[in-house]
Amino acid sequence: GDVTVQRLEFSVHEFMTIMGHLDFNRKGKPVEGGSSVYDEWYDQWRQLDTRLESLDPLPRADMLFDAKVVINSITDAQLFEVIGVVQEQINMHKELIDTDDEDADPEDLEGWEKRLVDLEKLQNSNNYVQ
């Protein structure tokens, strides 16, 4: 299954969260020419991170939630990888809410759940068989 899905859109916040999660798992070691979304999106992520760092809180919040990151093509394997990260975000948010954690954010959870539905639709439309 090397089918390529065309165009994927994330909010900057989603993109940064997904990449931050992968970065933690990979201990910050991208592989040159690697096929993971982490390897492929690494430079874009670092540039965006630098830009966000340079902004004041309000413009930064605007950019995180209103700006979009467009990924022009993504393979089935990469889509599967992203779905895994989104699933982990959902589980983490559910746990925060269940334990009445001060970081609990039902809106954030809802956002990730919607995102999961979108991604799974995309996966199914590609007749992707695991």
Protein backbone atom coordinates (compact mmCIF):
# COMPACT_ATOMS: atom_id res chain seq x y z
CA GLY A 1 0.00 0.00 0.00
CA ASP A 2 2.08 2.89 -1.26
CA VAL A 3 -0.93 4.92 -2.26
CA THR A 4 -0.49 8.62 -1.70
CA VAL A 5 -3.24 10.69 -0.19
CA GLN A 6 -3.42 14.17 -1.61
CA ARG A 7 -3.46 17.23 0.60
CA LEU A 8 -3.86 17.14 4.30
CA GLU A 9 -4.56 20.26 6.35
CA PHE A 10 -3.71 20.75 10.00
CA SER A 11 -3.99 23.75 12.23
CA VAL A 12 -0.51 24.87 13.28
CA HIS A 13 -1.39 23.68 16.79
CA GLU A 14 -2.21 20.17 15.53
CA PHE A 15 0.90 20.01 13.40
CA MET A 16 3.14 21.17 16.27
CA THR A 17 1.52 18.71 18.69
CA ILE A 18 1.90 15.76 16.31
CA MET A 19 5.52 16.61 15.60
CA GLY A 20 6.31 17.27 19.26
CA HIS A 21 4.90 13.86 20.13
CA LEU A 22 6.97 12.12 17.45
CA ASP A 23 10.04 14.13 18.46
CA PHE A 24 9.69 12.89 22.02
CA ASN A 25 9.37 9.28 20.84
CA ARG A 26 12.30 9.62 18.45
CA LYS A 27 14.44 11.53 20.96
CA GLY A 28 14.98 14.33 18.42
CA LYS A 29 16.77 12.25 15.82
CA PRO A 30 15.40 12.65 12.30
CA VAL A 31 16.76 10.31 9.62
CA GLU A 32 17.95 11.97 6.42
CA GLY A 33 15.61 10.80 3.65
CA GLY A 34 13.57 8.76 6.13
CA SER A 35 9.98 7.91 5.28
CA SER A 36 8.41 8.76 8.65
CA VAL A 37 6.33 11.95 8.76
CA TYR A 38 8.79 13.00 11.44
CA ASP A 39 11.72 12.79 9.03
CA GLU A 40 9.82 14.35 6.16
CA TRP A 41 8.24 17.24 8.06
CA TYR A 42 11.15 17.87 10.42
CA ASP A 43 12.60 20.98 8.72
CA GLN A 44 9.18 22.55 8.26
CA TRP A 45 8.44 21.89 11.94
CA ARG A 46 11.70 23.43 13.17
CA GLN A 47 11.18 26.56 11.02
CA LEU A 48 7.63 26.95 12.27
CA ASP A 49 8.77 26.46 15.85
CA THR A 50 11.38 29.20 15.46
CA ARG A 51 8.74 31.53 14.01
CA LEU A 52 6.30 30.82 16.83
CA GLU A 53 9.02 31.42 19.41
CA SER A 54 9.65 34.87 18.00
CA LEU A 55 6.01 35.98 18.26
CA ASP A 56 4.26 37.70 21.14
CA PRO A 57 1.60 35.62 22.93
CA LEU A 58 -1.41 36.97 21.00
CA PRO A 59 -0.07 36.66 17.47
CA ARG A 60 1.34 33.26 18.49
CA ALA A 61 -2.10 32.07 19.64
CA ASP A 62 -3.61 33.37 16.38
CA MET A 63 -1.07 31.50 14.35
CA LEU A 64 -1.44 28.28 16.35
CA PHE A 65 -5.18 28.10 16.00
CA ASP A 66 -6.04 30.04 12.83
CA ALA A 67 -3.13 29.30 10.51
CA LYS A 68 -2.97 26.06 8.56
CA VAL A 69 -0.17 23.75 7.62
CA VAL A 70 -0.87 22.07 4.28
CA ILE A 71 0.80 18.77 3.57
CA ASN A 72 0.62 18.19 -0.17
CA SER A 73 1.03 14.46 -0.18
CA ILE A 74 1.19 11.75 2.41
CA THR A 75 1.59 7.99 1.96
CA ASP A 76 -0.72 5.44 3.54
CA ALA A 77 2.00 4.44 5.98
CA GLN A 78 2.42 8.08 7.04
CA LEU A 79 -1.34 8.53 7.38
CA PHE A 80 -1.40 5.46 9.60
CA GLU A 81 1.42 6.98 11.66
CA VAL A 82 -0.45 10.28 12.09
CA ILE A 83 -3.66 8.45 13.08
CA GLY A 84 -1.68 6.65 15.78
CA VAL A 85 -0.45 9.95 17.22
CA VAL A 86 -3.95 11.47 17.12
CA GLN A 87 -5.29 8.38 18.91
CA GLU A 88 -2.66 8.88 21.63
CA GLN A 89 -3.65 12.55 21.97
CA ILE A 90 -7.28 11.48 22.45
CA ASN A 91 -6.32 8.92 25.09
CA MET A 92 -4.17 11.45 26.90
CA HIS A 93 -6.93 14.08 26.92
CA LYS A 94 -9.53 11.56 28.11
CA GLU A 95 -7.23 10.62 30.97
CA LEU A 96 -6.70 14.28 31.93
CA ILE A 97 -10.47 14.82 31.95
CA ASP A 98 -11.15 11.60 33.87
CA THR A 99 -8.65 12.53 36.55
CA ASP A 100 -9.86 16.15 36.78
CA ASP A 101 -6.40 17.33 35.83
CA GLU A 102 -5.96 21.10 35.67
CA ASP A 103 -4.73 20.69 32.06
CA ALA A 104 -7.94 18.91 31.06
CA ASP A 105 -9.44 20.52 27.98
CA PRO A 106 -12.68 19.03 26.60
CA GLU A 107 -12.49 21.34 23.57
CA ASP A 108 -9.06 20.06 22.72
CA LEU A 109 -10.31 16.50 23.07
CA GLU A 110 -13.21 17.25 20.76
CA GLY A 111 -10.85 18.76 18.20
CA TRP A 112 -8.68 15.64 18.16
CA GLU A 113 -11.73 13.36 17.95
CA LYS A 114 -13.00 15.31 14.91
CA ARG A 115 -9.55 15.12 13.38
CA LEU A 116 -9.50 11.33 13.89
CA VAL A 117 -12.83 10.96 12.07
CA ASP A 118 -11.47 13.02 9.14
CA LEU A 119 -8.27 11.01 8.95
CA GLU A 120 -10.08 7.68 9.12
CA LYS A 121 -12.42 8.80 6.31
CA LEU A 122 -9.39 9.65 4.24
CA GLN A 123 -7.86 6.28 5.05
CA ASN A 124 -11.02 4.42 4.05
CA SER A 125 -11.47 6.42 0.86
CA ASN A 126 -8.03 5.20 -0.14
CA ASN A 127 -9.23 1.64 0.31
CA TYR A 128 -6.35 1.32 2.63
CA VAL A 129 -6.09 -2.18 4.00
CA GLN A 130 -3.87 -2.68 6.97
